[in-house]
Amino acid sequence: MFTRRAPETLKLQTEGVPVYSVNDILKYKNEIDVLMICGGSATDLPEMTKTYAKDFCVVDSFDTHARIPEHFANVDAAAKAGGTVALISCGWDPGMFSLARLYANCILPNGQDYTFWGKGVSQGHSDAIRRVEGVKNGKQYTVPVQEALEAVRNGENPNLTTRQKHTRVCYVVPKPGADLKKIEHDIKTMPNYFADYDTTVYFITEEEFARDHSGMPHGGFVFRTGSTGADGANKHIIEYRIQLDSNPEFTASVLMAFARAVVRMKKEGMSGCKTVFDIPPAYLSPLSGDEIRAHML
């Protein structure tokens, strides 16, 4: 474990795992198979991933969808220069949801995509509001608009704007003396995060935050609706759903599986930036090819 905090202040759940200052990370370059970068997408990962990819195979969970092409290009240049494999935007969305969308598009090319997130806590969006000036702590819930979700599930194929699909609800603990109106304005107008949504900001105490918002549930749905046949008369709906008690624990589980694949790709001599689309599913499993074919195919 490498930390930006004082290493001696961290107490890990797994005993015996050493904790080092991130300033010393290059000393361990030859001891690390793959580095999982656990930072926020707003400001951490755009700098951290491309920096570490020069010296390590890395995995990150960058989730600002609009900036993925830019992030990919930056990390790809660094990884190719260092001869490493760097996997970006790994998690459940982007990540597992991305795979669900791609597979469904290939199977039903004549159709429409729909993605709904929540109800649950978005780690990336929560991190973003905690970076707002005057915010001491905060958590953001993404909430699907139920009428829109049911219209898709019923095969109505609605044309939905971003605002019609989700609302965003923020619970904020302000710092003493903070300008509450400015905090609310800065959150609601934040590009790529809140500007395109109906967003509600509630200011609460630290006690209320600890009592009511200590959990990290999340989930969501990916739909692909489509038709087949000469006249398109046969309709189909593909639905992929996840329901999570712990968003970070599930995300960590996805990162771990894909980290296994990164190590295998490095051993095969690959380099450069990759996404979940580039990883053979068999590379994720600790099982052999024979075992996978016997039990899962």
Protein backbone atom coordinates (compact mmCIF):
# COMPACT_ATOMS: atom_id res chain seq x y z
CA MET A 1 0.00 0.00 0.00
CA PHE A 2 1.33 3.40 -1.03
CA THR A 3 -0.27 6.48 0.49
CA ARG A 4 -0.10 10.27 0.26
CA ARG A 5 -0.81 10.37 4.00
CA ALA A 6 1.66 9.61 6.74
CA PRO A 7 2.09 5.81 6.45
CA GLU A 8 2.09 5.28 10.21
CA THR A 9 -1.43 6.75 10.47
CA LEU A 10 -3.04 4.03 8.32
CA LYS A 11 -4.50 0.89 9.89
CA LEU A 12 -5.38 -1.72 7.26
CA GLN A 13 -7.99 -4.43 7.69
CA THR A 14 -5.49 -7.05 6.48
CA GLU A 15 -2.72 -7.43 9.01
CA GLY A 16 0.86 -7.60 7.84
CA VAL A 17 0.43 -5.53 4.66
CA PRO A 18 3.22 -2.92 4.58
CA VAL A 19 2.35 0.75 4.06
CA TYR A 20 4.80 3.12 2.37
CA SER A 21 4.88 6.75 1.36
CA VAL A 22 3.95 7.24 -2.28
CA ASN A 23 7.10 9.35 -2.55
CA ASP A 24 9.12 6.13 -2.27
CA ILE A 25 7.19 4.14 -4.87
CA LEU A 26 9.95 4.01 -7.49
CA LYS A 27 12.14 2.12 -5.01
CA TYR A 28 9.77 -0.83 -5.45
CA LYS A 29 9.53 -0.70 -9.25
CA ASN A 30 10.93 -4.22 -9.71
CA GLU A 31 8.73 -5.73 -6.99
CA ILE A 32 5.32 -4.70 -8.30
CA ASP A 33 3.47 -6.75 -10.94
CA VAL A 34 0.62 -4.28 -11.32
CA LEU A 35 -0.33 -1.06 -9.55
CA MET A 36 -4.01 -0.38 -8.84
CA ILE A 37 -4.48 3.38 -8.63
CA CYS A 38 -7.27 4.25 -6.19
CA GLY A 39 -7.76 7.97 -6.76
CA GLY A 40 -10.61 10.20 -7.87
CA SER A 41 -11.43 10.84 -11.51
CA ALA A 42 -11.90 14.58 -11.11
CA THR A 43 -8.27 15.52 -10.49
CA ASP A 44 -6.24 12.48 -9.34
CA LEU A 45 -6.35 9.90 -12.11
CA PRO A 46 -5.73 12.20 -15.10
CA GLU A 47 -2.30 12.94 -13.61
CA MET A 48 -1.53 9.84 -11.56
CA THR A 49 -2.22 7.17 -14.17
CA LYS A 50 -0.12 8.69 -16.93
CA THR A 51 2.69 9.35 -14.43
CA TYR A 52 2.83 5.83 -12.98
CA ALA A 53 2.26 4.11 -16.34
CA LYS A 54 5.78 5.10 -17.33
CA ASP A 55 7.23 2.73 -14.71
CA PHE A 56 4.49 0.27 -13.75
CA CYS A 57 1.71 -1.80 -15.23
CA VAL A 58 -1.39 -0.04 -13.89
CA VAL A 59 -5.16 -0.33 -13.55
CA ASP A 60 -7.44 2.63 -12.85
CA SER A 61 -11.18 3.27 -12.55
CA PHE A 62 -11.36 6.62 -14.40
CA ASP A 63 -15.09 7.23 -14.87
CA THR A 64 -15.52 10.65 -16.48
CA HIS A 65 -17.00 9.23 -19.69
CA ALA A 66 -16.62 12.40 -21.75
CA ARG A 67 -12.86 12.53 -21.09
CA ILE A 68 -12.01 8.86 -21.66
CA PRO A 69 -10.56 9.40 -25.20
CA GLU A 70 -8.26 12.15 -23.87
CA HIS A 71 -7.23 10.05 -20.87
CA PHE A 72 -6.59 7.03 -23.09
CA ALA A 73 -4.30 9.00 -25.39
CA ASN A 74 -2.25 10.41 -22.51
CA VAL A 75 -1.86 7.06 -20.76
CA ASP A 76 -1.17 5.20 -24.01
CA ALA A 77 1.79 7.46 -24.77
CA ALA A 78 3.22 6.96 -21.29
CA ALA A 79 2.73 3.18 -21.27
CA LYS A 80 4.26 2.70 -24.70
CA ALA A 81 7.24 4.81 -23.69
CA GLY A 82 7.75 2.67 -20.60
CA GLY A 83 6.88 -0.68 -22.16
CA THR A 84 4.05 -1.27 -19.67
CA VAL A 85 0.41 -2.30 -19.93
CA ALA A 86 -2.07 0.25 -18.57
CA LEU A 87 -5.77 -0.52 -18.21
CA ILE A 88 -8.06 2.48 -17.72
CA SER A 89 -11.74 2.99 -16.91
CA CYS A 90 -12.17 -0.38 -15.22
CA GLY A 91 -15.03 -0.96 -12.80
CA TRP A 92 -18.72 -1.47 -13.39
CA ASP A 93 -19.44 1.70 -15.37
CA PRO A 94 -17.27 2.21 -17.23
CA GLY A 95 -16.27 -1.44 -17.19
CA MET A 96 -18.82 -4.24 -16.88
CA PHE A 97 -21.62 -2.01 -18.19
CA SER A 98 -19.40 -1.08 -21.14
CA LEU A 99 -19.04 -4.76 -22.04
CA ALA A 100 -22.79 -5.27 -21.73
CA ARG A 101 -23.38 -2.37 -24.15
CA LEU A 102 -20.82 -3.62 -26.67
CA TYR A 103 -22.02 -7.23 -26.68
CA ALA A 104 -25.66 -6.14 -27.00
CA ASN A 105 -24.87 -3.74 -29.86
CA CYS A 106 -23.11 -6.51 -31.75
CA ILE A 107 -26.05 -8.89 -31.30
CA LEU A 108 -28.82 -6.35 -31.97
CA PRO A 109 -27.36 -3.80 -34.40
CA ASN A 110 -30.83 -2.43 -35.15
CA GLY A 111 -31.79 -0.99 -31.79
CA GLN A 112 -31.30 1.50 -28.98
CA ASP A 113 -29.14 1.67 -25.84
CA TYR A 114 -30.28 2.79 -22.42
CA THR A 115 -28.23 2.99 -19.22
CA PHE A 116 -29.64 3.81 -15.78
CA TRP A 117 -27.56 4.20 -12.63
CA GLY A 118 -28.76 3.87 -9.06
CA LYS A 119 -30.36 4.39 -6.75
CA GLY A 120 -26.98 4.59 -5.11
CA VAL A 121 -23.83 6.42 -4.13
CA SER A 122 -21.52 7.49 -6.94
CA GLN A 123 -17.93 7.47 -5.70
CA GLY A 124 -16.72 9.72 -8.53
CA HIS A 125 -19.48 12.29 -8.11
CA SER A 126 -19.14 12.23 -4.33
CA ASP A 127 -15.42 12.85 -4.70
CA ALA A 128 -16.18 15.74 -7.06
CA ILE A 129 -18.47 17.53 -4.59
CA ARG A 130 -15.93 17.05 -1.79
CA ARG A 131 -13.46 19.02 -3.94
CA VAL A 132 -15.80 22.04 -4.01
CA GLU A 133 -14.57 25.00 -1.97
CA GLY A 134 -16.29 25.14 1.41
CA VAL A 135 -17.32 21.45 1.50
CA LYS A 136 -16.14 19.42 4.50
CA ASN A 137 -17.83 16.16 3.49
CA GLY A 138 -20.38 15.08 0.94
CA LYS A 139 -22.12 12.21 -0.74
CA GLN A 140 -24.08 12.06 -3.98
CA TYR A 141 -26.91 9.69 -4.86
CA THR A 142 -27.86 8.98 -8.46
CA VAL A 143 -31.57 8.20 -8.79
CA PRO A 144 -33.21 6.78 -11.94
CA VAL A 145 -36.46 8.37 -13.04
CA GLN A 146 -38.76 5.39 -12.52
CA GLU A 147 -41.18 6.28 -15.30
CA ALA A 148 -38.36 6.40 -17.84
CA LEU A 149 -36.91 3.08 -16.68
CA GLU A 150 -40.26 1.31 -16.90
CA ALA A 151 -40.93 2.73 -20.37
CA VAL A 152 -37.70 1.17 -21.60
CA ARG A 153 -38.39 -2.14 -19.87
CA ASN A 154 -41.84 -2.23 -21.48
CA GLY A 155 -40.34 -1.88 -24.95
CA GLU A 156 -41.67 1.62 -25.63
CA ASN A 157 -38.25 2.83 -26.93
CA PRO A 158 -38.59 6.40 -25.60
CA ASN A 159 -36.21 9.15 -26.68
CA LEU A 160 -34.83 10.36 -23.37
CA THR A 161 -32.62 13.31 -22.59
CA THR A 162 -29.94 13.06 -19.89
CA ARG A 163 -32.16 15.07 -17.57
CA GLN A 164 -35.15 12.78 -18.15
CA LYS A 165 -33.29 9.63 -17.11
CA HIS A 166 -31.77 10.56 -13.74
CA THR A 167 -31.85 13.01 -10.90
CA ARG A 168 -28.90 13.68 -8.60
CA VAL A 169 -29.21 14.27 -4.86
CA CYS A 170 -26.28 15.67 -2.85
CA TYR A 171 -25.89 15.68 0.93
CA VAL A 172 -23.22 18.18 1.97
CA VAL A 173 -21.55 18.96 5.29
CA PRO A 174 -20.25 22.52 4.87
CA LYS A 175 -17.18 23.93 6.56
CA PRO A 176 -17.88 26.52 9.28
CA GLY A 177 -18.67 29.89 7.73
CA ALA A 178 -18.87 28.53 4.18
CA ASP A 179 -21.02 30.29 1.58
CA LEU A 180 -23.88 27.82 1.12
CA LYS A 181 -25.32 29.49 -1.96
CA LYS A 182 -21.93 29.40 -3.67
CA ILE A 183 -21.44 25.72 -2.81
CA GLU A 184 -24.85 24.87 -4.26
CA HIS A 185 -24.13 26.90 -7.40
CA ASP A 186 -20.69 25.33 -7.88
CA ILE A 187 -22.14 21.82 -7.58
CA LYS A 188 -25.15 22.35 -9.84
CA THR A 189 -23.10 23.97 -12.62
CA MET A 190 -20.18 21.49 -12.56
CA PRO A 191 -19.60 20.25 -16.14
CA ASN A 192 -19.52 16.48 -16.80
CA TYR A 193 -20.99 15.84 -13.34
CA PHE A 194 -24.11 17.85 -12.50
CA ALA A 195 -24.78 20.55 -15.08
CA ASP A 196 -26.96 18.30 -17.28
CA TYR A 197 -29.12 16.94 -14.44
CA ASP A 198 -31.83 18.10 -12.08
CA THR A 199 -29.69 18.28 -8.94
CA THR A 200 -30.82 18.84 -5.37
CA VAL A 201 -28.35 19.88 -2.65
CA TYR A 202 -29.12 19.32 1.03
CA PHE A 203 -26.91 20.78 3.75
CA ILE A 204 -26.67 18.57 6.82
CA THR A 205 -24.60 18.21 10.00
CA GLU A 206 -21.72 15.80 10.52
CA GLU A 207 -23.92 13.82 12.90
CA GLU A 208 -26.64 13.44 10.28
CA PHE A 209 -24.05 12.44 7.69
CA ALA A 210 -22.60 9.72 9.95
CA ARG A 211 -26.04 8.45 10.92
CA ASP A 212 -27.78 8.42 7.54
CA HIS A 213 -25.09 8.30 4.85
CA SER A 214 -22.30 5.96 5.98
CA GLY A 215 -23.14 3.17 3.52
CA MET A 216 -22.03 2.86 -0.11
CA PRO A 217 -24.85 1.07 -2.00
CA HIS A 218 -25.25 1.38 -5.76
CA GLY A 219 -26.48 -0.44 -8.83
CA GLY A 220 -27.96 0.10 -12.23
CA PHE A 221 -29.29 -1.26 -15.49
CA VAL A 222 -28.11 -1.55 -19.09
CA PHE A 223 -30.75 -2.13 -21.75
CA ARG A 224 -30.51 -2.82 -25.47
CA THR A 225 -33.79 -2.90 -27.33
CA GLY A 226 -33.81 -4.12 -30.92
CA SER A 227 -35.60 -5.97 -33.66
CA THR A 228 -34.85 -8.79 -36.09
CA GLY A 229 -36.49 -10.27 -39.15
CA ALA A 230 -37.03 -8.95 -42.65
CA ASP A 231 -39.68 -6.52 -41.49
CA GLY A 232 -38.32 -5.97 -37.99
CA ALA A 233 -41.44 -7.51 -36.51
CA ASN A 234 -39.68 -9.50 -33.79
CA LYS A 235 -38.72 -7.34 -30.82
CA HIS A 236 -36.03 -8.11 -28.25
CA ILE A 237 -34.86 -6.60 -24.98
CA ILE A 238 -31.50 -7.34 -23.33
CA GLU A 239 -31.26 -6.24 -19.70
CA TYR A 240 -28.13 -6.36 -17.53
CA ARG A 241 -28.58 -5.39 -13.89
CA ILE A 242 -26.35 -5.08 -10.86
CA GLN A 243 -27.40 -4.38 -7.25
CA LEU A 244 -24.58 -3.62 -4.83
CA ASP A 245 -24.44 -3.32 -1.06
CA SER A 246 -20.94 -1.85 -1.40
CA ASN A 247 -19.94 0.11 -4.48
CA PRO A 248 -16.21 0.30 -3.55
CA GLU A 249 -15.93 -3.38 -2.64
CA PHE A 250 -17.55 -4.47 -5.90
CA THR A 251 -15.41 -2.04 -7.90
CA ALA A 252 -12.29 -3.36 -6.17
CA SER A 253 -13.31 -6.89 -7.12
CA VAL A 254 -13.56 -5.87 -10.78
CA LEU A 255 -10.17 -4.12 -10.62
CA MET A 256 -8.58 -7.23 -9.11
CA ALA A 257 -9.86 -9.51 -11.87
CA PHE A 258 -8.63 -7.17 -14.59
CA ALA A 259 -5.29 -6.67 -12.82
CA ARG A 260 -4.76 -10.42 -13.27
CA ALA A 261 -5.30 -9.95 -17.00
CA VAL A 262 -2.86 -7.02 -17.18
CA VAL A 263 -0.09 -9.14 -15.67
CA ARG A 264 -0.73 -11.89 -18.23
CA MET A 265 -0.68 -9.40 -21.11
CA LYS A 266 2.60 -7.92 -19.89
CA LYS A 267 4.17 -11.39 -19.77
CA GLU A 268 3.12 -11.88 -23.39
CA GLY A 269 5.05 -8.77 -24.37
CA MET A 270 2.19 -6.32 -24.85
CA SER A 271 2.38 -2.61 -24.02
CA GLY A 272 0.25 0.51 -24.22
CA CYS A 273 -3.12 1.56 -22.88
CA LYS A 274 -6.03 -0.89 -22.88
CA THR A 275 -9.71 -0.85 -21.96
CA VAL A 276 -12.01 -3.67 -20.91
CA PHE A 277 -12.84 -4.16 -24.61
CA ASP A 278 -9.29 -5.35 -25.25
CA ILE A 279 -9.16 -8.05 -22.56
CA PRO A 280 -10.01 -11.69 -23.43
CA PRO A 281 -12.50 -12.93 -20.80
CA ALA A 282 -10.34 -15.99 -20.06
CA TYR A 283 -7.54 -13.67 -18.88
CA LEU A 284 -9.71 -12.55 -15.95
CA SER A 285 -10.05 -15.98 -14.40
CA PRO A 286 -7.56 -17.80 -12.18
CA LEU A 287 -8.88 -21.04 -13.70
CA SER A 288 -7.22 -22.80 -16.60
CA GLY A 289 -8.75 -22.87 -20.07
CA ASP A 290 -9.74 -26.50 -19.56
CA GLU A 291 -11.52 -25.67 -16.30
CA ILE A 292 -13.37 -22.70 -17.81
CA ARG A 293 -14.56 -24.74 -20.79
CA ALA A 294 -15.64 -27.64 -18.58
CA HIS A 295 -17.62 -25.62 -16.04
CA MET A 296 -18.71 -22.32 -17.61
CA LEU A 297 -19.09 -22.80 -21.35
